[in-house]
Amino acid sequence: MKSGIKAFWLLLAAALLGAGCASYHVGTALPPEQRCVFVETVANETTEAILGTLTRQALQERFSQTPGLRLAASDGTDAGLKVEVTLVALEQRNLARARTREKKARRDDGDAYQTVLYRLDLHAKWRAIPAQGDEAAIRKGEIVATADMPLTADKETAQRSALRQVARDLAVRIADAIAD
């Protein structure tokens, strides 16, 4: 009798575990013929010239690390899917302020606070085009990627780091949208 109860609970646990994992998958839902990805040169309409190169590198890195996908040859001849990205706009806004000046050292109350953290928002459009040219199979979208940039003494280093971060965030969002 005890072994029957143990077997029942064991089967119930296995069924619940299987049901919980039913929607989980490893890799990609892309058809096998589209799993070799080529990243086109990124069109950059922002004022940050390096951002196009950083985004293309981040996309290539992300696709190469996504299970079930691989990067196409450098000329794209073996690609089953070509990815096009256009960087539309890069916006910077104040995210956090801190009190930095005492009353004696400022002209008015507006001078008491200084921005200490900025947020970068990168607006982009993407398209994933199958090599077969099937118009119905083209996937596309618009994404906003973000990165934070602290106020530091070396603003250029902080800016470069934030640009790399926003490019990586964009790459993750695009790769996830394409692979699912």
C-alpha atoms as a PDB file:
ATOM      1  CA  MET A   1       0.000   0.000   0.000  1.00  0.00           C
ATOM      2  CA  LYS A   2       2.775   2.435   0.898  1.00  0.00           C
ATOM      3  CA  SER A   3       4.609   1.789  -2.371  1.00  0.00           C
ATOM      4  CA  GLY A   4       1.400   2.577  -4.312  1.00  0.00           C
ATOM      5  CA  ILE A   5       1.078   5.957  -2.566  1.00  0.00           C
ATOM      6  CA  LYS A   6       4.748   6.745  -3.189  1.00  0.00           C
ATOM      7  CA  ALA A   7       4.347   5.849  -6.860  1.00  0.00           C
ATOM      8  CA  PHE A   8       1.256   8.072  -7.097  1.00  0.00           C
ATOM      9  CA  TRP A   9       3.077  11.075  -5.589  1.00  0.00           C
ATOM     10  CA  LEU A  10       6.103  10.453  -7.781  1.00  0.00           C
ATOM     11  CA  LEU A  11       3.941  10.358 -10.922  1.00  0.00           C
ATOM     12  CA  LEU A  12       2.073  13.485  -9.811  1.00  0.00           C
ATOM     13  CA  ALA A  13       5.355  15.360  -9.232  1.00  0.00           C
ATOM     14  CA  ALA A  14       6.681  14.267 -12.642  1.00  0.00           C
ATOM     15  CA  ALA A  15       3.458  15.375 -14.348  1.00  0.00           C
ATOM     16  CA  LEU A  16       3.569  18.784 -12.651  1.00  0.00           C
ATOM     17  CA  LEU A  17       7.223  19.227 -13.535  1.00  0.00           C
ATOM     18  CA  GLY A  18       6.528  18.299 -17.158  1.00  0.00           C
ATOM     19  CA  ALA A  19       3.588  20.700 -17.336  1.00  0.00           C
ATOM     20  CA  GLY A  20       5.702  23.499 -15.916  1.00  0.00           C
ATOM     21  CA  CYS A  21       8.375  22.998 -18.556  1.00  0.00           C
ATOM     22  CA  ALA A  22       6.008  22.540 -21.493  1.00  0.00           C
ATOM     23  CA  SER A  23       6.325  26.134 -22.712  1.00  0.00           C
ATOM     24  CA  TYR A  24      10.088  26.353 -22.182  1.00  0.00           C
ATOM     25  CA  HIS A  25      12.390  25.784 -25.136  1.00  0.00           C
ATOM     26  CA  VAL A  26      16.111  25.998 -25.686  1.00  0.00           C
ATOM     27  CA  GLY A  27      17.400  27.675 -28.800  1.00  0.00           C
ATOM     28  CA  THR A  28      15.239  29.239 -31.429  1.00  0.00           C
ATOM     29  CA  ALA A  29      11.855  28.806 -33.040  1.00  0.00           C
ATOM     30  CA  LEU A  30      13.280  29.799 -36.445  1.00  0.00           C
ATOM     31  CA  PRO A  31      13.021  27.238 -39.248  1.00  0.00           C
ATOM     32  CA  PRO A  32      16.315  25.382 -39.805  1.00  0.00           C
ATOM     33  CA  GLU A  33      16.987  27.132 -43.130  1.00  0.00           C
ATOM     34  CA  GLN A  34      16.978  30.549 -41.362  1.00  0.00           C
ATOM     35  CA  ARG A  35      19.356  29.714 -38.519  1.00  0.00           C
ATOM     36  CA  CYS A  36      22.471  31.020 -40.266  1.00  0.00           C
ATOM     37  CA  VAL A  37      22.328  34.790 -39.673  1.00  0.00           C
ATOM     38  CA  PHE A  38      24.131  37.603 -41.466  1.00  0.00           C
ATOM     39  CA  VAL A  39      24.146  41.093 -39.918  1.00  0.00           C
ATOM     40  CA  GLU A  40      24.167  43.800 -42.570  1.00  0.00           C
ATOM     41  CA  THR A  41      26.006  47.090 -42.023  1.00  0.00           C
ATOM     42  CA  VAL A  42      23.957  49.123 -39.540  1.00  0.00           C
ATOM     43  CA  ALA A  43      22.480  52.354 -40.921  1.00  0.00           C
ATOM     44  CA  ASN A  44      23.168  55.087 -38.387  1.00  0.00           C
ATOM     45  CA  GLU A  45      21.061  58.251 -38.420  1.00  0.00           C
ATOM     46  CA  THR A  46      22.265  59.398 -34.979  1.00  0.00           C
ATOM     47  CA  THR A  47      25.009  61.933 -34.268  1.00  0.00           C
ATOM     48  CA  GLU A  48      27.224  59.265 -32.654  1.00  0.00           C
ATOM     49  CA  ALA A  49      29.264  57.862 -35.545  1.00  0.00           C
ATOM     50  CA  ILE A  50      30.715  54.908 -33.608  1.00  0.00           C
ATOM     51  CA  LEU A  51      27.261  53.630 -32.613  1.00  0.00           C
ATOM     52  CA  GLY A  52      26.675  51.805 -35.924  1.00  0.00           C
ATOM     53  CA  THR A  53      29.871  49.789 -35.568  1.00  0.00           C
ATOM     54  CA  LEU A  54      29.224  49.046 -31.886  1.00  0.00           C
ATOM     55  CA  THR A  55      25.693  47.846 -32.696  1.00  0.00           C
ATOM     56  CA  ARG A  56      26.817  45.547 -35.528  1.00  0.00           C
ATOM     57  CA  GLN A  57      29.515  44.013 -33.322  1.00  0.00           C
ATOM     58  CA  ALA A  58      27.044  43.540 -30.453  1.00  0.00           C
ATOM     59  CA  LEU A  59      24.520  41.887 -32.796  1.00  0.00           C
ATOM     60  CA  GLN A  60      27.127  39.509 -34.207  1.00  0.00           C
ATOM     61  CA  GLU A  61      28.242  38.588 -30.704  1.00  0.00           C
ATOM     62  CA  ARG A  62      24.670  38.039 -29.527  1.00  0.00           C
ATOM     63  CA  PHE A  63      23.706  35.867 -32.516  1.00  0.00           C
ATOM     64  CA  SER A  64      26.865  33.782 -32.125  1.00  0.00           C
ATOM     65  CA  GLN A  65      25.950  33.134 -28.462  1.00  0.00           C
ATOM     66  CA  THR A  66      22.287  32.262 -29.111  1.00  0.00           C
ATOM     67  CA  PRO A  67      21.758  28.480 -29.000  1.00  0.00           C
ATOM     68  CA  GLY A  68      20.602  27.106 -32.342  1.00  0.00           C
ATOM     69  CA  LEU A  69      21.926  30.054 -34.383  1.00  0.00           C
ATOM     70  CA  ARG A  70      25.227  30.663 -36.100  1.00  0.00           C
ATOM     71  CA  LEU A  71      26.801  33.579 -37.934  1.00  0.00           C
ATOM     72  CA  ALA A  72      27.089  33.492 -41.690  1.00  0.00           C
ATOM     73  CA  ALA A  73      30.390  33.943 -43.505  1.00  0.00           C
ATOM     74  CA  SER A  74      31.717  37.495 -43.691  1.00  0.00           C
ATOM     75  CA  ASP A  75      30.306  37.934 -47.203  1.00  0.00           C
ATOM     76  CA  GLY A  76      26.878  36.554 -46.231  1.00  0.00           C
ATOM     77  CA  THR A  77      26.735  34.003 -49.062  1.00  0.00           C
ATOM     78  CA  ASP A  78      25.627  31.144 -46.806  1.00  0.00           C
ATOM     79  CA  ALA A  79      23.083  33.228 -44.846  1.00  0.00           C
ATOM     80  CA  GLY A  80      19.574  31.955 -44.383  1.00  0.00           C
ATOM     81  CA  LEU A  81      18.488  35.182 -42.702  1.00  0.00           C
ATOM     82  CA  LYS A  82      19.771  38.709 -43.207  1.00  0.00           C
ATOM     83  CA  VAL A  83      19.261  41.276 -40.459  1.00  0.00           C
ATOM     84  CA  GLU A  84      19.042  44.986 -41.256  1.00  0.00           C
ATOM     85  CA  VAL A  85      19.086  47.623 -38.522  1.00  0.00           C
ATOM     86  CA  THR A  86      18.586  51.382 -38.726  1.00  0.00           C
ATOM     87  CA  LEU A  87      19.491  53.502 -35.721  1.00  0.00           C
ATOM     88  CA  VAL A  88      16.923  56.294 -35.829  1.00  0.00           C
ATOM     89  CA  ALA A  89      17.678  58.516 -32.833  1.00  0.00           C
ATOM     90  CA  LEU A  90      19.731  58.675 -29.663  1.00  0.00           C
ATOM     91  CA  GLU A  91      18.197  60.699 -26.855  1.00  0.00           C
ATOM     92  CA  GLN A  92      19.843  61.694 -23.604  1.00  0.00           C
ATOM     93  CA  ARG A  93      17.854  62.847 -20.596  1.00  0.00           C
ATOM     94  CA  ASN A  94      18.414  63.580 -16.943  1.00  0.00           C
ATOM     95  CA  LEU A  95      17.543  60.636 -14.744  1.00  0.00           C
ATOM     96  CA  ALA A  96      18.724  61.607 -11.256  1.00  0.00           C
ATOM     97  CA  ARG A  97      19.854  64.769  -9.531  1.00  0.00           C
ATOM     98  CA  ALA A  98      21.741  65.297  -6.283  1.00  0.00           C
ATOM     99  CA  ARG A  99      22.257  68.259  -4.017  1.00  0.00           C
ATOM    100  CA  THR A 100      25.775  69.496  -4.655  1.00  0.00           C
ATOM    101  CA  ARG A 101      25.986  73.098  -3.501  1.00  0.00           C
ATOM    102  CA  GLU A 102      25.411  74.684  -0.127  1.00  0.00           C
ATOM    103  CA  LYS A 103      23.317  77.840   0.139  1.00  0.00           C
ATOM    104  CA  LYS A 104      26.393  80.136   0.316  1.00  0.00           C
ATOM    105  CA  ALA A 105      27.825  78.683  -2.942  1.00  0.00           C
ATOM    106  CA  ARG A 106      24.790  79.128  -5.199  1.00  0.00           C
ATOM    107  CA  ARG A 107      22.878  81.965  -6.811  1.00  0.00           C
ATOM    108  CA  ASP A 108      19.391  80.458  -6.400  1.00  0.00           C
ATOM    109  CA  ASP A 109      17.660  77.200  -5.461  1.00  0.00           C
ATOM    110  CA  GLY A 110      17.998  75.880  -9.032  1.00  0.00           C
ATOM    111  CA  ASP A 111      21.785  75.795  -8.603  1.00  0.00           C
ATOM    112  CA  ALA A 112      21.580  73.537  -5.548  1.00  0.00           C
ATOM    113  CA  TYR A 113      21.132  70.343  -7.587  1.00  0.00           C
ATOM    114  CA  GLN A 114      23.178  68.813 -10.370  1.00  0.00           C
ATOM    115  CA  THR A 115      22.370  65.912 -12.673  1.00  0.00           C
ATOM    116  CA  VAL A 116      24.389  62.864 -11.609  1.00  0.00           C
ATOM    117  CA  LEU A 117      22.828  60.178 -13.830  1.00  0.00           C
ATOM    118  CA  TYR A 118      21.749  60.359 -17.464  1.00  0.00           C
ATOM    119  CA  ARG A 119      19.644  57.869 -19.443  1.00  0.00           C
ATOM    120  CA  LEU A 120      20.387  57.119 -23.098  1.00  0.00           C
ATOM    121  CA  ASP A 121      17.460  55.909 -25.230  1.00  0.00           C
ATOM    122  CA  LEU A 122      18.363  54.437 -28.624  1.00  0.00           C
ATOM    123  CA  HIS A 123      15.452  54.176 -31.065  1.00  0.00           C
ATOM    124  CA  ALA A 124      15.956  51.614 -33.820  1.00  0.00           C
ATOM    125  CA  LYS A 125      14.096  49.759 -36.582  1.00  0.00           C
ATOM    126  CA  TRP A 126      15.020  46.231 -37.651  1.00  0.00           C
ATOM    127  CA  ARG A 127      14.092  43.724 -40.348  1.00  0.00           C
ATOM    128  CA  ALA A 128      14.919  40.033 -40.628  1.00  0.00           C
ATOM    129  CA  ILE A 129      14.769  38.946 -44.276  1.00  0.00           C
ATOM    130  CA  PRO A 130      14.863  35.244 -45.225  1.00  0.00           C
ATOM    131  CA  ALA A 131      17.279  34.365 -48.018  1.00  0.00           C
ATOM    132  CA  GLN A 132      14.432  32.800 -50.021  1.00  0.00           C
ATOM    133  CA  GLY A 133      12.900  36.276 -50.371  1.00  0.00           C
ATOM    134  CA  ASP A 134       9.485  35.252 -49.053  1.00  0.00           C
ATOM    135  CA  GLU A 135       7.811  38.621 -48.341  1.00  0.00           C
ATOM    136  CA  ALA A 136       5.337  37.042 -45.902  1.00  0.00           C
ATOM    137  CA  ALA A 137       8.197  35.664 -43.782  1.00  0.00           C
ATOM    138  CA  ILE A 138       9.915  39.048 -43.247  1.00  0.00           C
ATOM    139  CA  ARG A 139       9.869  40.023 -39.589  1.00  0.00           C
ATOM    140  CA  LYS A 140      10.349  43.616 -38.501  1.00  0.00           C
ATOM    141  CA  GLY A 141       9.927  45.878 -35.544  1.00  0.00           C
ATOM    142  CA  GLU A 142      10.897  48.988 -33.661  1.00  0.00           C
ATOM    143  CA  ILE A 143      12.810  48.884 -30.400  1.00  0.00           C
ATOM    144  CA  VAL A 144      14.028  51.346 -27.797  1.00  0.00           C
ATOM    145  CA  ALA A 145      17.173  50.266 -25.969  1.00  0.00           C
ATOM    146  CA  THR A 146      18.428  52.002 -22.843  1.00  0.00           C
ATOM    147  CA  ALA A 147      21.641  52.591 -20.936  1.00  0.00           C
ATOM    148  CA  ASP A 148      22.539  54.743 -17.959  1.00  0.00           C
ATOM    149  CA  MET A 149      25.511  57.075 -17.817  1.00  0.00           C
ATOM    150  CA  PRO A 150      26.780  58.441 -14.498  1.00  0.00           C
ATOM    151  CA  LEU A 151      28.343  61.870 -14.185  1.00  0.00           C
ATOM    152  CA  THR A 152      32.083  61.321 -13.797  1.00  0.00           C
ATOM    153  CA  ALA A 153      35.207  63.412 -14.062  1.00  0.00           C
ATOM    154  CA  ASP A 154      36.057  61.613 -17.321  1.00  0.00           C
ATOM    155  CA  LYS A 155      32.885  62.198 -19.346  1.00  0.00           C
ATOM    156  CA  GLU A 156      34.278  60.661 -22.561  1.00  0.00           C
ATOM    157  CA  THR A 157      34.968  57.299 -20.908  1.00  0.00           C
ATOM    158  CA  ALA A 158      31.498  57.254 -19.334  1.00  0.00           C
ATOM    159  CA  GLN A 159      29.949  58.144 -22.711  1.00  0.00           C
ATOM    160  CA  ARG A 160      31.815  55.342 -24.553  1.00  0.00           C
ATOM    161  CA  SER A 161      30.816  52.842 -21.896  1.00  0.00           C
ATOM    162  CA  ALA A 162      27.162  53.930 -22.101  1.00  0.00           C
ATOM    163  CA  LEU A 163      27.208  53.666 -25.916  1.00  0.00           C
ATOM    164  CA  ARG A 164      28.571  50.102 -25.688  1.00  0.00           C
ATOM    165  CA  GLN A 165      25.906  49.289 -23.099  1.00  0.00           C
ATOM    166  CA  VAL A 166      23.039  50.665 -25.220  1.00  0.00           C
ATOM    167  CA  ALA A 167      24.340  48.774 -28.286  1.00  0.00           C
ATOM    168  CA  ARG A 168      24.410  45.512 -26.280  1.00  0.00           C
ATOM    169  CA  ASP A 169      20.900  46.148 -24.946  1.00  0.00           C
ATOM    170  CA  LEU A 170      19.652  46.748 -28.487  1.00  0.00           C
ATOM    171  CA  ALA A 171      21.361  43.564 -29.718  1.00  0.00           C
ATOM    172  CA  VAL A 172      19.741  41.478 -26.980  1.00  0.00           C
ATOM    173  CA  ARG A 173      16.290  42.874 -27.734  1.00  0.00           C
ATOM    174  CA  ILE A 174      16.602  42.359 -31.508  1.00  0.00           C
ATOM    175  CA  ALA A 175      18.079  38.844 -31.231  1.00  0.00           C
ATOM    176  CA  ASP A 176      15.362  37.803 -28.779  1.00  0.00           C
ATOM    177  CA  ALA A 177      12.641  39.196 -31.053  1.00  0.00           C
ATOM    178  CA  ILE A 178      14.043  37.343 -34.065  1.00  0.00           C
ATOM    179  CA  ALA A 179      14.773  34.029 -32.318  1.00  0.00           C
ATOM    180  CA  ASP A 180      11.321  33.702 -30.710  1.00  0.00           C
END
